[in-house]
Amino acid sequence: VQLVESGGGLVQPGGSLRLSCAASGFTFSTSAMTWARQAPGKGLEGVSTIYSTGRTLYADSIKGRFTISRDNAKNMVYLQMNSLKPEDTAAYYCATTILSTTFRGQGTQVTVSS
């Protein structure tokens, strides 16, 4: 299993970023995919999940601002982040659970600051 995130960076409050995650080594189309984040000094927080059916879940803290999507033809999952706030600053990870084992990528840093 390999998950490679990209798209992070420095953005001003109110700005937008689109994170991407390239997945390989497993049957992507039947797997639920999750974006999680870890802010400095805090624990890992689940941000959003998209199931193979297309059903999505969002944490209350980002609901209405972030949108998760997937492209099964490309084995990609995305996180469109709008109206970013300084409290969204964190390392963002793509993750999936297969046979009770959770895999995640190396992460991509998002910093929201003026």
C-alpha atoms as a PDB file:
ATOM      1  CA  VAL A   1       0.000   0.000   0.000  1.00  0.00           C
ATOM      2  CA  GLN A   2       1.318   3.397  -0.963  1.00  0.00           C
ATOM      3  CA  LEU A   3      -0.339   6.738  -0.347  1.00  0.00           C
ATOM      4  CA  VAL A   4       1.344   9.932  -1.543  1.00  0.00           C
ATOM      5  CA  GLU A   5      -0.113  13.308  -0.621  1.00  0.00           C
ATOM      6  CA  SER A   6       0.582  16.585  -2.389  1.00  0.00           C
ATOM      7  CA  GLY A   7      -0.804  20.078  -2.721  1.00  0.00           C
ATOM      8  CA  GLY A   8      -0.030  21.587   0.657  1.00  0.00           C
ATOM      9  CA  GLY A   9       1.558  24.973   1.150  1.00  0.00           C
ATOM     10  CA  LEU A  10       1.276  28.408   2.692  1.00  0.00           C
ATOM     11  CA  VAL A  11      -2.004  30.232   2.156  1.00  0.00           C
ATOM     12  CA  GLN A  12      -3.586  33.351   3.609  1.00  0.00           C
ATOM     13  CA  PRO A  13      -6.735  33.136   5.737  1.00  0.00           C
ATOM     14  CA  GLY A  14      -9.766  32.869   3.499  1.00  0.00           C
ATOM     15  CA  GLY A  15      -7.758  31.202   0.761  1.00  0.00           C
ATOM     16  CA  SER A  16      -8.083  27.796  -0.852  1.00  0.00           C
ATOM     17  CA  LEU A  17      -5.962  24.730  -1.446  1.00  0.00           C
ATOM     18  CA  ARG A  18      -6.603  21.394  -3.106  1.00  0.00           C
ATOM     19  CA  LEU A  19      -4.873  18.376  -1.653  1.00  0.00           C
ATOM     20  CA  SER A  20      -4.335  15.230  -3.705  1.00  0.00           C
ATOM     21  CA  CYS A  21      -3.539  11.690  -2.691  1.00  0.00           C
ATOM     22  CA  ALA A  22      -2.242   9.097  -5.131  1.00  0.00           C
ATOM     23  CA  ALA A  23      -3.029   5.554  -4.013  1.00  0.00           C
ATOM     24  CA  SER A  24      -1.562   2.250  -5.125  1.00  0.00           C
ATOM     25  CA  GLY A  25      -1.059  -1.320  -3.979  1.00  0.00           C
ATOM     26  CA  PHE A  26      -4.651  -2.104  -3.081  1.00  0.00           C
ATOM     27  CA  THR A  27      -8.129  -2.166  -4.613  1.00  0.00           C
ATOM     28  CA  PHE A  28      -8.812   1.537  -4.473  1.00  0.00           C
ATOM     29  CA  SER A  29     -12.317   1.525  -5.904  1.00  0.00           C
ATOM     30  CA  THR A  30     -13.705  -0.595  -3.058  1.00  0.00           C
ATOM     31  CA  SER A  31     -11.846   1.155  -0.249  1.00  0.00           C
ATOM     32  CA  ALA A  32     -12.970   3.984   1.989  1.00  0.00           C
ATOM     33  CA  MET A  33     -10.479   6.843   1.992  1.00  0.00           C
ATOM     34  CA  THR A  34      -9.929   9.325   4.775  1.00  0.00           C
ATOM     35  CA  TRP A  35      -8.195  12.659   5.141  1.00  0.00           C
ATOM     36  CA  ALA A  36      -6.854  13.301   8.633  1.00  0.00           C
ATOM     37  CA  ARG A  37      -4.748  16.106  10.057  1.00  0.00           C
ATOM     38  CA  GLN A  38      -2.417  16.732  12.946  1.00  0.00           C
ATOM     39  CA  ALA A  39      -1.804  20.222  14.223  1.00  0.00           C
ATOM     40  CA  PRO A  40       1.360  21.044  16.194  1.00  0.00           C
ATOM     41  CA  GLY A  41       1.103  19.633  19.696  1.00  0.00           C
ATOM     42  CA  LYS A  42      -2.236  17.953  19.031  1.00  0.00           C
ATOM     43  CA  GLY A  43      -3.442  14.472  18.188  1.00  0.00           C
ATOM     44  CA  LEU A  44      -4.526  13.121  14.850  1.00  0.00           C
ATOM     45  CA  GLU A  45      -7.999  14.346  13.811  1.00  0.00           C
ATOM     46  CA  GLY A  46     -10.194  12.745  11.174  1.00  0.00           C
ATOM     47  CA  VAL A  47     -11.282  15.425   8.722  1.00  0.00           C
ATOM     48  CA  SER A  48     -13.304  13.659   6.059  1.00  0.00           C
ATOM     49  CA  THR A  49     -14.047  10.192   4.692  1.00  0.00           C
ATOM     50  CA  ILE A  50     -15.377   9.070   1.341  1.00  0.00           C
ATOM     51  CA  TYR A  51     -16.701   5.556   0.898  1.00  0.00           C
ATOM     52  CA  SER A  52     -16.694   3.406  -2.210  1.00  0.00           C
ATOM     53  CA  THR A  53     -20.358   4.295  -2.653  1.00  0.00           C
ATOM     54  CA  GLY A  54     -19.499   7.985  -2.755  1.00  0.00           C
ATOM     55  CA  ARG A  55     -21.004   8.689   0.638  1.00  0.00           C
ATOM     56  CA  THR A  56     -19.048  11.333   2.508  1.00  0.00           C
ATOM     57  CA  LEU A  57     -18.505  12.282   6.127  1.00  0.00           C
ATOM     58  CA  TYR A  58     -17.084  15.536   7.457  1.00  0.00           C
ATOM     59  CA  ALA A  59     -15.840  16.726  10.813  1.00  0.00           C
ATOM     60  CA  ASP A  60     -17.934  19.559  12.222  1.00  0.00           C
ATOM     61  CA  SER A  61     -14.900  21.829  12.248  1.00  0.00           C
ATOM     62  CA  ILE A  62     -14.621  21.824   8.440  1.00  0.00           C
ATOM     63  CA  LYS A  63     -18.171  21.133   7.334  1.00  0.00           C
ATOM     64  CA  GLY A  64     -19.262  23.499   4.576  1.00  0.00           C
ATOM     65  CA  ARG A  65     -15.686  24.546   3.798  1.00  0.00           C
ATOM     66  CA  PHE A  66     -13.972  21.343   2.668  1.00  0.00           C
ATOM     67  CA  THR A  67     -15.068  18.855   0.005  1.00  0.00           C
ATOM     68  CA  ILE A  68     -13.704  15.351  -0.417  1.00  0.00           C
ATOM     69  CA  SER A  69     -13.860  13.571  -3.759  1.00  0.00           C
ATOM     70  CA  ARG A  70     -12.351  10.567  -5.494  1.00  0.00           C
ATOM     71  CA  ASP A  71     -11.468   9.460  -8.997  1.00  0.00           C
ATOM     72  CA  ASN A  72     -11.489   5.681  -9.138  1.00  0.00           C
ATOM     73  CA  ALA A  73     -10.116   5.666 -12.681  1.00  0.00           C
ATOM     74  CA  LYS A  74      -6.986   7.459 -11.478  1.00  0.00           C
ATOM     75  CA  ASN A  75      -6.785   5.988  -7.947  1.00  0.00           C
ATOM     76  CA  MET A  76      -6.874   9.511  -6.556  1.00  0.00           C
ATOM     77  CA  VAL A  77      -8.629  11.156  -3.645  1.00  0.00           C
ATOM     78  CA  TYR A  78      -8.850  14.915  -3.219  1.00  0.00           C
ATOM     79  CA  LEU A  79      -9.638  17.437  -0.518  1.00  0.00           C
ATOM     80  CA  GLN A  80     -10.768  20.850  -1.714  1.00  0.00           C
ATOM     81  CA  MET A  81     -10.290  23.298   1.134  1.00  0.00           C
ATOM     82  CA  ASN A  82     -11.940  26.703   0.953  1.00  0.00           C
ATOM     83  CA  SER A  83     -12.259  29.562   3.428  1.00  0.00           C
ATOM     84  CA  LEU A  84      -9.162  28.370   5.224  1.00  0.00           C
ATOM     85  CA  LYS A  85      -8.569  29.503   8.795  1.00  0.00           C
ATOM     86  CA  PRO A  86      -5.364  29.656  10.850  1.00  0.00           C
ATOM     87  CA  GLU A  87      -6.703  26.762  12.931  1.00  0.00           C
ATOM     88  CA  ASP A  88      -6.632  24.589   9.805  1.00  0.00           C
ATOM     89  CA  THR A  89      -2.838  24.679   9.967  1.00  0.00           C
ATOM     90  CA  ALA A  90      -1.674  21.077  10.221  1.00  0.00           C
ATOM     91  CA  ALA A  91      -0.015  18.193   8.479  1.00  0.00           C
ATOM     92  CA  TYR A  92      -2.665  16.510   6.353  1.00  0.00           C
ATOM     93  CA  TYR A  93      -2.619  12.770   5.755  1.00  0.00           C
ATOM     94  CA  CYS A  94      -4.423  10.438   3.407  1.00  0.00           C
ATOM     95  CA  ALA A  95      -5.335   7.103   4.991  1.00  0.00           C
ATOM     96  CA  THR A  96      -7.135   3.839   4.381  1.00  0.00           C
ATOM     97  CA  THR A  97      -7.823   0.763   6.485  1.00  0.00           C
ATOM     98  CA  ILE A  98      -7.364  -2.670   4.992  1.00  0.00           C
ATOM     99  CA  LEU A  99      -7.976  -5.842   6.997  1.00  0.00           C
ATOM    100  CA  SER A 100      -7.839  -3.889  10.274  1.00  0.00           C
ATOM    101  CA  THR A 101      -4.525  -2.221   9.404  1.00  0.00           C
ATOM    102  CA  THR A 102      -4.509   1.527   8.826  1.00  0.00           C
ATOM    103  CA  PHE A 103      -2.097   2.906   6.254  1.00  0.00           C
ATOM    104  CA  ARG A 104      -1.319   6.564   5.768  1.00  0.00           C
ATOM    105  CA  GLY A 105       1.005   8.620   3.653  1.00  0.00           C
ATOM    106  CA  GLN A 106       3.865  10.883   4.657  1.00  0.00           C
ATOM    107  CA  GLY A 107       1.604  13.889   4.808  1.00  0.00           C
ATOM    108  CA  THR A 108       1.551  17.344   3.288  1.00  0.00           C
ATOM    109  CA  GLN A 109       1.851  20.518   5.338  1.00  0.00           C
ATOM    110  CA  VAL A 110      -0.835  23.183   5.197  1.00  0.00           C
ATOM    111  CA  THR A 111      -0.069  26.515   6.830  1.00  0.00           C
ATOM    112  CA  VAL A 112      -2.703  29.224   6.999  1.00  0.00           C
ATOM    113  CA  SER A 113      -1.170  32.536   7.945  1.00  0.00           C
ATOM    114  CA  SER A 114      -1.097  36.149   6.882  1.00  0.00           C
END
